[in-house]
């Protein structure tokens, strides 16, 4: 999965430029809040990309475990067929093959457990990725609305921008708590 990008660098530069040219403190505050939103968006995008990558790695490892599980199952079935057809084998050879069959069954149970655990962690990483991706989107919207506030010189747009930024921050905190809590 590819990482989230925050393609609003030009917007942020325009806001910084306007703040530099303007004598209005309000424009400087909007520029500062936008810089903070851009930093939060970058951090959130980085975390979202990391969780997407971890989810993919865990899912690949789970698939490898399921393939290993199937291979053990095939070996066990071949051994069962050999035991059914081997009426003339010695008792020692039959006992050895029975033990091997039990070993395959035990190995399959352990492999299955590992595969299911990996699938679970892949799902957890993907859920965290989704939460963080939503946060990135909200930060991007907040930055764009801040640019509209500067261009139109309307404080209401800045307030809306801050609201979107606060919701984006909520998603970031939610994901961070989920990372440390489970």
N, C-alpha and C. Protein backbone atom coordinates (compact mmCIF):
# COMPACT_ATOMS: atom_id res chain seq x y z
N UNK A 1 0.84 -1.16 0.00
CA UNK A 1 0.00 0.00 0.00
C UNK A 1 0.89 1.23 0.00
N UNK A 2 0.45 2.23 -0.71
CA UNK A 2 1.31 3.40 -0.77
C UNK A 2 0.97 4.37 0.35
N UNK A 3 1.95 5.19 0.70
CA UNK A 3 1.79 6.13 1.79
C UNK A 3 0.91 7.29 1.38
N UNK A 4 0.24 7.86 2.38
CA UNK A 4 -0.57 9.05 2.17
C UNK A 4 0.36 10.22 1.88
N UNK A 5 -0.03 11.04 0.94
CA UNK A 5 0.75 12.24 0.67
C UNK A 5 -0.08 13.45 1.03
N UNK A 6 0.58 14.50 1.44
CA UNK A 6 -0.09 15.74 1.76
C UNK A 6 0.30 16.75 0.69
N UNK A 7 -0.49 16.83 -0.40
CA UNK A 7 -0.11 17.65 -1.54
C UNK A 7 -0.49 19.13 -1.38
N UNK A 8 -0.41 19.66 -0.19
CA UNK A 8 -0.84 21.03 0.05
C UNK A 8 0.33 21.95 0.37
N UNK A 9 1.52 21.57 -0.04
CA UNK A 9 2.69 22.40 0.25
C UNK A 9 2.60 23.77 -0.41
N UNK A 10 2.08 23.82 -1.64
CA UNK A 10 1.94 25.10 -2.33
C UNK A 10 0.95 26.01 -1.61
N UNK A 11 -0.13 25.42 -1.12
CA UNK A 11 -1.13 26.20 -0.39
C UNK A 11 -0.50 26.77 0.88
N UNK A 12 0.24 25.91 1.59
CA UNK A 12 0.90 26.35 2.82
C UNK A 12 1.91 27.47 2.52
N UNK A 13 2.67 27.35 1.45
CA UNK A 13 3.63 28.39 1.08
C UNK A 13 2.93 29.70 0.75
N UNK A 14 1.78 29.60 0.07
CA UNK A 14 1.02 30.81 -0.27
C UNK A 14 0.53 31.49 1.00
N UNK A 15 0.05 30.71 1.96
CA UNK A 15 -0.43 31.28 3.22
C UNK A 15 0.72 31.93 3.97
N UNK A 16 1.86 31.28 4.01
CA UNK A 16 3.03 31.85 4.69
C UNK A 16 3.47 33.15 4.03
N UNK A 17 3.42 33.17 2.70
CA UNK A 17 3.78 34.38 1.95
C UNK A 17 2.81 35.51 2.28
N UNK A 18 1.51 35.22 2.29
CA UNK A 18 0.49 36.22 2.62
C UNK A 18 0.70 36.75 4.04
N UNK A 19 1.03 35.84 4.96
CA UNK A 19 1.24 36.25 6.35
C UNK A 19 2.45 37.18 6.45
N UNK A 20 3.48 36.88 5.68
CA UNK A 20 4.69 37.70 5.70
C UNK A 20 4.40 39.11 5.16
N UNK A 21 3.59 39.18 4.10
CA UNK A 21 3.28 40.47 3.48
C UNK A 21 2.27 41.27 4.30
N UNK A 22 1.42 40.60 5.01
CA UNK A 22 0.32 41.26 5.71
C UNK A 22 0.77 41.82 7.05
N UNK A 23 0.18 42.93 7.41
CA UNK A 23 0.41 43.51 8.74
C UNK A 23 -0.64 43.01 9.72
N UNK A 24 -1.64 42.30 9.20
CA UNK A 24 -2.75 41.81 10.02
C UNK A 24 -2.30 40.59 10.84
N UNK A 25 -2.45 40.68 12.16
CA UNK A 25 -2.05 39.57 13.03
C UNK A 25 -2.92 38.33 12.78
N UNK A 26 -4.15 38.56 12.38
CA UNK A 26 -5.05 37.44 12.11
C UNK A 26 -4.48 36.54 11.02
N UNK A 27 -3.93 37.13 9.97
CA UNK A 27 -3.34 36.35 8.89
C UNK A 27 -2.17 35.53 9.42
N UNK A 28 -1.38 36.12 10.30
CA UNK A 28 -0.26 35.38 10.90
C UNK A 28 -0.76 34.21 11.72
N UNK A 29 -1.85 34.38 12.44
CA UNK A 29 -2.41 33.28 13.23
C UNK A 29 -2.92 32.16 12.33
N UNK A 30 -3.55 32.55 11.24
CA UNK A 30 -4.02 31.53 10.28
C UNK A 30 -2.82 30.78 9.71
N UNK A 31 -1.78 31.52 9.38
CA UNK A 31 -0.57 30.88 8.83
C UNK A 31 0.05 29.93 9.84
N UNK A 32 0.11 30.35 11.11
CA UNK A 32 0.67 29.50 12.15
C UNK A 32 -0.18 28.25 12.34
N UNK A 33 -1.49 28.42 12.39
CA UNK A 33 -2.36 27.25 12.56
C UNK A 33 -2.23 26.30 11.37
N UNK A 34 -2.05 26.86 10.19
CA UNK A 34 -1.89 26.03 9.00
C UNK A 34 -0.58 25.26 9.04
N UNK A 35 0.47 25.91 9.54
CA UNK A 35 1.75 25.21 9.66
C UNK A 35 1.62 24.05 10.65
N UNK A 36 0.91 24.26 11.74
CA UNK A 36 0.69 23.18 12.71
C UNK A 36 -0.14 22.06 12.08
N UNK A 37 -1.19 22.43 11.35
CA UNK A 37 -2.01 21.42 10.67
C UNK A 37 -1.19 20.62 9.66
N UNK A 38 -0.31 21.31 8.95
CA UNK A 38 0.54 20.62 7.96
C UNK A 38 1.48 19.63 8.64
N UNK A 39 2.04 20.03 9.79
CA UNK A 39 2.93 19.12 10.54
C UNK A 39 2.14 17.91 11.04
N UNK A 40 0.95 18.15 11.58
CA UNK A 40 0.12 17.04 12.05
C UNK A 40 -0.28 16.12 10.89
N UNK A 41 -0.58 16.72 9.75
CA UNK A 41 -0.93 15.91 8.57
C UNK A 41 0.24 15.04 8.14
N UNK A 42 1.44 15.59 8.18
CA UNK A 42 2.63 14.81 7.78
C UNK A 42 2.87 13.65 8.75
N UNK A 43 2.75 13.91 10.05
CA UNK A 43 2.93 12.85 11.05
C UNK A 43 1.88 11.77 10.87
N UNK A 44 0.63 12.20 10.70
CA UNK A 44 -0.47 11.25 10.54
C UNK A 44 -0.30 10.43 9.27
N UNK A 45 0.12 11.06 8.19
CA UNK A 45 0.35 10.34 6.94
C UNK A 45 1.45 9.30 7.09
N UNK A 46 2.51 9.67 7.81
CA UNK A 46 3.61 8.73 8.05
C UNK A 46 3.12 7.52 8.83
N UNK A 47 2.36 7.75 9.88
CA UNK A 47 1.82 6.65 10.68
C UNK A 47 0.85 5.78 9.87
N UNK A 48 0.02 6.43 9.05
CA UNK A 48 -0.93 5.68 8.22
C UNK A 48 -0.18 4.77 7.25
N UNK A 49 0.85 5.29 6.63
CA UNK A 49 1.65 4.48 5.70
C UNK A 49 2.34 3.33 6.40
N UNK A 50 2.83 3.59 7.61
CA UNK A 50 3.49 2.54 8.38
C UNK A 50 2.52 1.40 8.69
N UNK A 51 1.30 1.76 9.11
CA UNK A 51 0.33 0.71 9.42
C UNK A 51 -0.13 -0.04 8.17
N UNK A 52 -0.22 0.65 7.07
CA UNK A 52 -0.58 -0.03 5.82
C UNK A 52 0.50 -1.05 5.45
N UNK A 53 1.76 -0.66 5.60
CA UNK A 53 2.86 -1.57 5.29
C UNK A 53 2.88 -2.76 6.25
N UNK A 54 2.68 -2.50 7.54
CA UNK A 54 2.66 -3.58 8.53
C UNK A 54 1.52 -4.55 8.26
N UNK A 55 0.36 -4.02 7.87
CA UNK A 55 -0.78 -4.88 7.55
C UNK A 55 -0.45 -5.79 6.38
N UNK A 56 0.20 -5.23 5.38
CA UNK A 56 0.55 -6.02 4.20
C UNK A 56 1.56 -7.10 4.56
N UNK A 57 2.57 -6.75 5.34
CA UNK A 57 3.60 -7.72 5.74
C UNK A 57 2.97 -8.85 6.55
N UNK A 58 2.12 -8.50 7.51
CA UNK A 58 1.47 -9.53 8.33
C UNK A 58 0.58 -10.43 7.48
N UNK A 59 -0.12 -9.85 6.51
CA UNK A 59 -1.00 -10.67 5.67
C UNK A 59 -0.18 -11.61 4.79
N UNK A 60 0.95 -11.15 4.30
CA UNK A 60 1.83 -12.01 3.50
C UNK A 60 2.35 -13.17 4.35
N UNK A 61 2.78 -12.85 5.58
CA UNK A 61 3.26 -13.90 6.48
C UNK A 61 2.15 -14.88 6.83
N UNK A 62 0.93 -14.38 7.01
CA UNK A 62 -0.21 -15.26 7.29
C UNK A 62 -0.46 -16.19 6.10
N UNK A 63 -0.36 -15.65 4.89
CA UNK A 63 -0.54 -16.48 3.69
C UNK A 63 0.53 -17.56 3.61
N UNK A 64 1.76 -17.20 3.96
CA UNK A 64 2.84 -18.19 4.00
C UNK A 64 2.52 -19.29 5.00
N UNK A 65 2.00 -18.92 6.16
CA UNK A 65 1.65 -19.92 7.17
C UNK A 65 0.52 -20.83 6.69
N UNK A 66 -0.48 -20.24 6.01
CA UNK A 66 -1.58 -21.08 5.49
C UNK A 66 -1.06 -22.05 4.42
N UNK A 67 -0.11 -21.61 3.61
CA UNK A 67 0.50 -22.51 2.62
C UNK A 67 1.24 -23.64 3.31
N UNK A 68 1.95 -23.32 4.38
CA UNK A 68 2.67 -24.33 5.16
C UNK A 68 1.68 -25.30 5.80
N UNK A 69 0.57 -24.76 6.29
CA UNK A 69 -0.51 -25.57 6.88
C UNK A 69 -1.04 -26.57 5.86
N UNK A 70 -1.29 -26.07 4.66
CA UNK A 70 -1.79 -26.96 3.60
C UNK A 70 -0.77 -28.02 3.22
N UNK A 71 0.50 -27.65 3.18
CA UNK A 71 1.54 -28.63 2.85
C UNK A 71 1.58 -29.74 3.89
N UNK A 72 1.46 -29.38 5.16
CA UNK A 72 1.44 -30.40 6.22
C UNK A 72 0.20 -31.27 6.08
N UNK A 73 -0.91 -30.68 5.69
CA UNK A 73 -2.14 -31.46 5.48
C UNK A 73 -1.99 -32.46 4.35
N UNK A 74 -1.34 -32.04 3.29
CA UNK A 74 -1.11 -32.95 2.16
C UNK A 74 -0.20 -34.09 2.58
N UNK A 75 0.86 -33.76 3.31
CA UNK A 75 1.77 -34.81 3.80
C UNK A 75 1.01 -35.78 4.69
N UNK A 76 0.14 -35.28 5.55
CA UNK A 76 -0.62 -36.14 6.45
C UNK A 76 -1.56 -37.06 5.66
N UNK A 77 -2.20 -36.53 4.65
CA UNK A 77 -3.11 -37.34 3.83
C UNK A 77 -2.36 -38.42 3.06
N UNK A 78 -1.21 -38.08 2.53
CA UNK A 78 -0.39 -39.07 1.82
C UNK A 78 0.02 -40.18 2.79
N UNK A 79 0.40 -39.80 3.99
CA UNK A 79 0.80 -40.77 5.00
C UNK A 79 -0.38 -41.65 5.41
N UNK A 80 -1.56 -41.07 5.55
CA UNK A 80 -2.76 -41.85 5.89
C UNK A 80 -3.04 -42.89 4.80
N UNK A 81 -2.93 -42.46 3.56
CA UNK A 81 -3.18 -43.40 2.45
C UNK A 81 -2.15 -44.52 2.47
N UNK A 82 -0.90 -44.18 2.74
CA UNK A 82 0.14 -45.20 2.79
C UNK A 82 -0.13 -46.19 3.92
N UNK A 83 -0.59 -45.69 5.06
CA UNK A 83 -0.90 -46.57 6.19
C UNK A 83 -2.07 -47.49 5.87
N UNK A 84 -3.05 -46.98 5.15
CA UNK A 84 -4.22 -47.79 4.78
C UNK A 84 -3.83 -48.89 3.80
N UNK A 85 -2.90 -48.59 2.92
CA UNK A 85 -2.52 -49.55 1.88
C UNK A 85 -1.40 -50.49 2.34
N UNK A 86 -0.79 -50.23 3.46
CA UNK A 86 0.40 -50.97 3.88
C UNK A 86 0.04 -52.10 4.85
N UNK A 87 -0.65 -53.05 4.39
CA UNK A 87 -1.00 -54.18 5.24
C UNK A 87 0.18 -55.08 5.53
N UNK A 88 1.20 -55.04 4.72
CA UNK A 88 2.34 -55.95 4.88
C UNK A 88 3.52 -55.31 5.59
N UNK A 89 3.38 -54.07 6.03
CA UNK A 89 4.50 -53.39 6.71
C UNK A 89 4.74 -54.00 8.08
N UNK A 90 5.92 -53.79 8.56
CA UNK A 90 6.25 -54.25 9.91
C UNK A 90 5.55 -53.35 10.93
N UNK A 91 5.33 -53.85 12.11
CA UNK A 91 4.67 -53.09 13.17
C UNK A 91 5.48 -51.86 13.55
N UNK A 92 6.80 -51.98 13.53
CA UNK A 92 7.67 -50.85 13.89
C UNK A 92 7.53 -49.73 12.87
N UNK A 93 7.49 -50.10 11.59
CA UNK A 93 7.37 -49.09 10.54
C UNK A 93 6.00 -48.41 10.64
N UNK A 94 4.97 -49.17 10.90
CA UNK A 94 3.62 -48.62 11.04
C UNK A 94 3.57 -47.67 12.23
N UNK A 95 4.19 -48.04 13.35
CA UNK A 95 4.20 -47.19 14.54
C UNK A 95 4.93 -45.88 14.25
N UNK A 96 6.03 -45.96 13.51
CA UNK A 96 6.79 -44.76 13.16
C UNK A 96 5.94 -43.83 12.30
N UNK A 97 5.24 -44.40 11.34
CA UNK A 97 4.40 -43.57 10.46
C UNK A 97 3.20 -43.00 11.22
N UNK A 98 2.66 -43.75 12.18
CA UNK A 98 1.57 -43.24 13.00
C UNK A 98 2.04 -42.04 13.83
N UNK A 99 3.26 -42.16 14.38
CA UNK A 99 3.83 -41.06 15.16
C UNK A 99 4.03 -39.84 14.28
N UNK A 100 4.51 -40.07 13.07
CA UNK A 100 4.73 -38.96 12.12
C UNK A 100 3.39 -38.29 11.79
N UNK A 101 2.35 -39.09 11.64
CA UNK A 101 1.02 -38.56 11.35
C UNK A 101 0.54 -37.67 12.50
N UNK A 102 0.76 -38.10 13.72
CA UNK A 102 0.40 -37.30 14.89
C UNK A 102 1.20 -36.01 14.95
N UNK A 103 2.46 -36.09 14.57
CA UNK A 103 3.32 -34.91 14.53
C UNK A 103 2.81 -33.90 13.52
N UNK A 104 2.42 -34.37 12.34
CA UNK A 104 1.87 -33.47 11.32
C UNK A 104 0.61 -32.78 11.83
N UNK A 105 -0.25 -33.54 12.51
CA UNK A 105 -1.49 -32.98 13.04
C UNK A 105 -1.20 -31.89 14.07
N UNK A 106 -0.25 -32.16 14.97
CA UNK A 106 0.13 -31.16 15.98
C UNK A 106 0.74 -29.93 15.34
N UNK A 107 1.60 -30.14 14.34
CA UNK A 107 2.22 -29.01 13.65
C UNK A 107 1.16 -28.16 12.95
N UNK A 108 0.18 -28.83 12.35
CA UNK A 108 -0.88 -28.08 11.67
C UNK A 108 -1.64 -27.19 12.65
N UNK A 109 -1.90 -27.69 13.84
CA UNK A 109 -2.62 -26.89 14.83
C UNK A 109 -1.81 -25.64 15.20
N UNK A 110 -0.52 -25.79 15.39
CA UNK A 110 0.34 -24.65 15.73
C UNK A 110 0.44 -23.67 14.55
N UNK A 111 0.59 -24.19 13.37
CA UNK A 111 0.69 -23.33 12.17
C UNK A 111 -0.61 -22.55 11.99
N UNK A 112 -1.74 -23.23 12.19
CA UNK A 112 -3.05 -22.57 12.06
C UNK A 112 -3.15 -21.41 13.06
N UNK A 113 -2.73 -21.65 14.29
CA UNK A 113 -2.77 -20.62 15.33
C UNK A 113 -1.94 -19.41 14.92
N UNK A 114 -0.72 -19.65 14.41
CA UNK A 114 0.15 -18.56 13.98
C UNK A 114 -0.47 -17.78 12.82
N UNK A 115 -1.05 -18.49 11.86
CA UNK A 115 -1.66 -17.83 10.70
C UNK A 115 -2.83 -16.96 11.14
N UNK A 116 -3.65 -17.46 12.04
CA UNK A 116 -4.80 -16.68 12.52
C UNK A 116 -4.35 -15.46 13.31
N UNK A 117 -3.29 -15.59 14.10
CA UNK A 117 -2.75 -14.45 14.84
C UNK A 117 -2.24 -13.38 13.87
N UNK A 118 -1.53 -13.81 12.84
CA UNK A 118 -1.00 -12.86 11.86
C UNK A 118 -2.14 -12.15 11.12
N UNK A 119 -3.18 -12.90 10.79
CA UNK A 119 -4.32 -12.27 10.13
C UNK A 119 -4.98 -11.24 11.05
N UNK A 120 -5.04 -11.57 12.33
CA UNK A 120 -5.61 -10.63 13.30
C UNK A 120 -4.80 -9.35 13.41
N UNK A 121 -3.48 -9.48 13.46
CA UNK A 121 -2.65 -8.27 13.55
C UNK A 121 -2.70 -7.48 12.25
N UNK A 122 -2.83 -8.17 11.13
CA UNK A 122 -2.98 -7.46 9.85
C UNK A 122 -4.26 -6.63 9.86
N UNK A 123 -5.34 -7.22 10.36
CA UNK A 123 -6.61 -6.48 10.45
C UNK A 123 -6.48 -5.28 11.38
N UNK A 124 -5.80 -5.45 12.52
CA UNK A 124 -5.61 -4.35 13.45
C UNK A 124 -4.83 -3.20 12.81
N UNK A 125 -3.75 -3.55 12.10
CA UNK A 125 -2.97 -2.51 11.42
C UNK A 125 -3.81 -1.80 10.36
N UNK A 126 -4.61 -2.56 9.64
CA UNK A 126 -5.44 -1.96 8.60
C UNK A 126 -6.49 -1.03 9.21
N UNK A 127 -7.06 -1.41 10.34
CA UNK A 127 -8.03 -0.54 11.02
C UNK A 127 -7.36 0.76 11.46
N UNK A 128 -6.16 0.67 12.00
CA UNK A 128 -5.43 1.87 12.42
C UNK A 128 -5.08 2.73 11.21
N UNK A 129 -4.73 2.08 10.11
CA UNK A 129 -4.43 2.82 8.87
C UNK A 129 -5.65 3.62 8.43
N UNK A 130 -6.82 2.99 8.47
CA UNK A 130 -8.05 3.66 8.03
C UNK A 130 -8.33 4.88 8.91
N UNK A 131 -8.18 4.72 10.22
CA UNK A 131 -8.40 5.84 11.15
C UNK A 131 -7.43 6.98 10.82
N UNK A 132 -6.16 6.64 10.64
CA UNK A 132 -5.15 7.66 10.36
C UNK A 132 -5.37 8.31 8.99
N UNK A 133 -5.77 7.53 8.01
CA UNK A 133 -6.04 8.09 6.67
C UNK A 133 -7.17 9.10 6.74
N UNK A 134 -8.17 8.83 7.55
CA UNK A 134 -9.26 9.80 7.73
C UNK A 134 -8.73 11.07 8.38
N UNK A 135 -7.83 10.91 9.34
CA UNK A 135 -7.22 12.08 9.98
C UNK A 135 -6.45 12.92 8.98
N UNK A 136 -5.68 12.26 8.11
CA UNK A 136 -4.92 12.99 7.08
C UNK A 136 -5.88 13.78 6.19
N UNK A 137 -6.97 13.14 5.79
CA UNK A 137 -7.94 13.81 4.92
C UNK A 137 -8.51 15.05 5.61
N UNK A 138 -8.85 14.93 6.87
CA UNK A 138 -9.39 16.08 7.60
C UNK A 138 -8.37 17.20 7.75
N UNK A 139 -7.12 16.85 7.99
CA UNK A 139 -6.07 17.88 8.05
C UNK A 139 -5.92 18.58 6.70
N UNK A 140 -5.98 17.81 5.62
CA UNK A 140 -5.86 18.41 4.29
C UNK A 140 -7.02 19.37 4.02
N UNK A 141 -8.22 18.94 4.41
CA UNK A 141 -9.39 19.82 4.23
C UNK A 141 -9.22 21.08 5.07
N UNK A 142 -8.73 20.93 6.29
CA UNK A 142 -8.53 22.08 7.17
C UNK A 142 -7.54 23.08 6.56
N UNK A 143 -6.48 22.57 5.98
CA UNK A 143 -5.48 23.45 5.35
C UNK A 143 -6.09 24.18 4.15
N UNK A 144 -6.86 23.45 3.36
CA UNK A 144 -7.50 24.08 2.19
C UNK A 144 -8.49 25.15 2.63
N UNK A 145 -9.26 24.89 3.67
CA UNK A 145 -10.22 25.89 4.15
C UNK A 145 -9.48 27.10 4.74
N UNK A 146 -8.34 26.88 5.37
CA UNK A 146 -7.54 28.00 5.87
C UNK A 146 -7.08 28.88 4.71
N UNK A 147 -6.73 28.25 3.61
CA UNK A 147 -6.34 29.04 2.42
C UNK A 147 -7.52 29.88 1.93
N UNK A 148 -8.71 29.29 1.97
CA UNK A 148 -9.91 30.04 1.57
C UNK A 148 -10.12 31.21 2.53
N UNK A 149 -9.87 30.99 3.82
CA UNK A 149 -10.03 32.07 4.80
C UNK A 149 -9.09 33.23 4.49
N UNK A 150 -7.85 32.92 4.12
CA UNK A 150 -6.88 33.97 3.78
C UNK A 150 -7.32 34.71 2.52
N UNK A 151 -7.72 33.95 1.51
CA UNK A 151 -8.10 34.57 0.23
C UNK A 151 -9.35 35.43 0.34
N UNK A 152 -10.32 34.97 1.14
CA UNK A 152 -11.57 35.72 1.27
C UNK A 152 -11.57 36.67 2.46
N UNK A 153 -10.54 36.56 3.31
CA UNK A 153 -10.41 37.38 4.52
C UNK A 153 -11.63 37.21 5.43
N UNK A 154 -12.12 35.99 5.52
CA UNK A 154 -13.28 35.69 6.37
C UNK A 154 -12.85 34.79 7.51
N UNK A 155 -13.10 35.26 8.72
CA UNK A 155 -12.72 34.53 9.92
C UNK A 155 -13.54 33.25 10.10
N UNK A 156 -14.75 33.24 9.60
CA UNK A 156 -15.60 32.05 9.73
C UNK A 156 -14.92 30.85 9.07
N UNK A 157 -14.30 31.05 7.92
CA UNK A 157 -13.60 29.95 7.26
C UNK A 157 -12.44 29.44 8.11
N UNK A 158 -11.76 30.34 8.79
CA UNK A 158 -10.67 29.92 9.66
C UNK A 158 -11.22 29.06 10.80
N UNK A 159 -12.34 29.47 11.36
CA UNK A 159 -12.98 28.69 12.44
C UNK A 159 -13.35 27.29 11.94
N UNK A 160 -13.90 27.25 10.74
CA UNK A 160 -14.25 25.94 10.16
C UNK A 160 -12.98 25.12 9.93
N UNK A 161 -11.92 25.78 9.50
CA UNK A 161 -10.64 25.11 9.30
C UNK A 161 -10.14 24.50 10.61
N UNK A 162 -10.22 25.28 11.68
CA UNK A 162 -9.78 24.79 12.99
C UNK A 162 -10.66 23.63 13.46
N UNK A 163 -11.94 23.69 13.15
CA UNK A 163 -12.84 22.59 13.51
C UNK A 163 -12.43 21.30 12.79
N UNK A 164 -12.18 21.39 11.49
CA UNK A 164 -11.71 20.21 10.74
C UNK A 164 -10.37 19.72 11.28
N UNK A 165 -9.49 20.65 11.63
CA UNK A 165 -8.21 20.27 12.22
C UNK A 165 -8.39 19.55 13.55
N UNK A 166 -9.33 20.02 14.36
CA UNK A 166 -9.58 19.38 15.66
C UNK A 166 -10.14 17.97 15.46
N UNK A 167 -10.99 17.80 14.47
CA UNK A 167 -11.51 16.45 14.19
C UNK A 167 -10.39 15.56 13.68
N UNK A 168 -9.53 16.10 12.82
CA UNK A 168 -8.36 15.33 12.35
C UNK A 168 -7.47 14.94 13.51
N UNK A 169 -7.27 15.86 14.45
CA UNK A 169 -6.46 15.57 15.64
C UNK A 169 -7.12 14.48 16.48
N UNK A 170 -8.44 14.50 16.54
CA UNK A 170 -9.17 13.44 17.27
C UNK A 170 -8.88 12.07 16.66
N UNK A 171 -8.87 11.99 15.33
CA UNK A 171 -8.55 10.72 14.67
C UNK A 171 -7.12 10.29 14.97
N UNK A 172 -6.19 11.25 14.97
CA UNK A 172 -4.79 10.94 15.28
C UNK A 172 -4.66 10.41 16.71
N UNK A 173 -5.28 11.09 17.65
CA UNK A 173 -5.21 10.66 19.05
C UNK A 173 -5.88 9.30 19.22
N UNK A 174 -7.01 9.10 18.57
CA UNK A 174 -7.73 7.82 18.63
C UNK A 174 -6.81 6.69 18.16
N UNK A 175 -6.14 6.91 17.04
CA UNK A 175 -5.22 5.88 16.51
C UNK A 175 -4.04 5.66 17.46
N UNK A 176 -3.50 6.74 18.02
CA UNK A 176 -2.38 6.60 18.94
C UNK A 176 -2.79 5.82 20.21
N UNK A 177 -3.99 6.11 20.71
CA UNK A 177 -4.48 5.37 21.87
C UNK A 177 -4.70 3.89 21.52
N UNK A 178 -5.19 3.63 20.31
CA UNK A 178 -5.39 2.24 19.87
C UNK A 178 -4.06 1.53 19.74
N UNK A 179 -3.01 2.25 19.35
CA UNK A 179 -1.68 1.63 19.22
C UNK A 179 -1.14 1.21 20.58
N UNK A 180 -1.39 2.04 21.57
CA UNK A 180 -0.82 1.75 22.89
C UNK A 180 -1.76 0.91 23.75
N UNK A 181 -3.03 0.92 23.40
CA UNK A 181 -3.99 0.18 24.20
C UNK A 181 -4.25 -1.23 23.69
N UNK A 182 -3.91 -1.52 22.47
CA UNK A 182 -4.22 -2.86 21.98
C UNK A 182 -3.61 -3.04 20.71
